[in-house]
């Protein structure tokens, strides 16, 4: 299971493939407003994140994601929930 910082780094690397140019991506960037992803782009991003971290982002979680940090927190929480006690 990846830590918050590791998850942020990997998520940022994944996002770099979805945004134009060599834009710096910050945790508080809004995925659509700041990074310019449309709804299809967001779905592709989520699919890439799910594949990379072996998690499934439920629709109710997906609807609450708007920033890079929201994605990272969701992934960390989903990984914790999937870790056997």
Protein backbone atom coordinates (compact mmCIF):
# COMPACT_ATOMS: atom_id res chain seq x y z
CA UNK A 1 0.00 0.00 0.00
CA UNK A 2 1.38 3.39 -1.02
CA UNK A 3 1.69 6.28 1.43
CA UNK A 4 -0.02 9.62 0.80
CA UNK A 5 3.19 11.12 -0.60
CA UNK A 6 3.85 8.14 -2.87
CA UNK A 7 0.26 8.18 -4.05
CA UNK A 8 0.48 11.92 -4.77
CA UNK A 9 3.69 11.45 -6.77
CA UNK A 10 2.27 8.59 -8.84
CA UNK A 11 -1.07 10.35 -9.37
CA UNK A 12 0.77 13.47 -10.55
CA UNK A 13 2.78 11.34 -12.99
CA UNK A 14 -0.44 9.81 -14.33
CA UNK A 15 -2.03 13.27 -14.63
CA UNK A 16 0.97 14.55 -16.60
CA UNK A 17 -0.09 12.17 -19.40
CA UNK A 18 -3.57 13.74 -19.48
CA UNK A 19 -2.70 17.46 -19.44
CA UNK A 20 -1.12 19.63 -22.10
CA UNK A 21 2.53 20.54 -21.91
CA UNK A 22 4.84 20.40 -18.95
CA UNK A 23 2.44 22.10 -16.58
CA UNK A 24 3.25 21.85 -12.88
CA UNK A 25 0.53 19.91 -11.10
CA UNK A 26 -0.27 20.86 -7.52
CA UNK A 27 -2.46 19.00 -5.01
CA UNK A 28 -5.03 21.80 -4.89
CA UNK A 29 -5.42 22.00 -8.69
CA UNK A 30 -9.01 21.48 -9.84
CA UNK A 31 -8.97 18.65 -12.35
CA UNK A 32 -11.35 20.31 -14.80
CA UNK A 33 -10.97 24.04 -14.13
CA UNK A 34 -7.18 24.20 -13.60
CA UNK A 35 -5.94 21.18 -15.55
CA UNK A 36 -8.49 21.35 -18.35
CA UNK A 37 -9.75 17.76 -18.33
CA UNK A 38 -13.24 17.28 -19.69
CA UNK A 39 -15.60 14.58 -18.37
CA UNK A 40 -14.10 11.95 -20.67
CA UNK A 41 -10.61 12.96 -19.58
CA UNK A 42 -11.61 12.60 -15.94
CA UNK A 43 -12.98 9.10 -16.61
CA UNK A 44 -9.76 8.11 -18.40
CA UNK A 45 -7.73 9.50 -15.51
CA UNK A 46 -9.79 7.56 -12.97
CA UNK A 47 -9.40 4.37 -15.04
CA UNK A 48 -5.61 4.85 -15.10
CA UNK A 49 -5.53 5.49 -11.34
CA UNK A 50 -7.70 2.43 -10.67
CA UNK A 51 -5.38 0.27 -12.80
CA UNK A 52 -2.21 1.61 -11.20
CA UNK A 53 -3.38 1.28 -7.60
CA UNK A 54 -5.61 -1.80 -8.03
CA UNK A 55 -8.66 -0.07 -6.57
CA UNK A 56 -12.18 0.61 -7.78
CA UNK A 57 -13.47 4.14 -7.27
CA UNK A 58 -17.21 3.91 -6.50
CA UNK A 59 -19.54 6.41 -8.18
CA UNK A 60 -20.33 8.16 -4.89
CA UNK A 61 -16.61 8.75 -4.34
CA UNK A 62 -16.09 9.77 -7.96
CA UNK A 63 -18.78 12.43 -7.68
CA UNK A 64 -16.93 14.04 -4.75
CA UNK A 65 -13.58 14.26 -6.55
CA UNK A 66 -12.67 17.67 -7.91
CA UNK A 67 -8.98 18.25 -7.08
CA UNK A 68 -5.78 16.26 -7.39
CA UNK A 69 -5.71 15.91 -3.62
CA UNK A 70 -9.26 14.49 -3.67
CA UNK A 71 -8.03 11.68 -5.92
CA UNK A 72 -5.05 10.97 -3.69
CA UNK A 73 -7.14 10.89 -0.52
CA UNK A 74 -9.71 8.61 -2.17
CA UNK A 75 -7.03 6.17 -3.34
CA UNK A 76 -5.35 6.06 0.07
CA UNK A 77 -8.73 5.48 1.76
CA UNK A 78 -9.69 2.77 -0.74
CA UNK A 79 -6.34 1.03 -0.29
CA UNK A 80 -6.75 1.10 3.49
CA UNK A 81 -10.23 -0.37 3.17
CA UNK A 82 -8.90 -3.19 0.97
CA UNK A 83 -6.00 -4.07 3.28
CA UNK A 84 -6.70 -7.18 5.37
CA UNK A 85 -6.66 -6.55 9.11
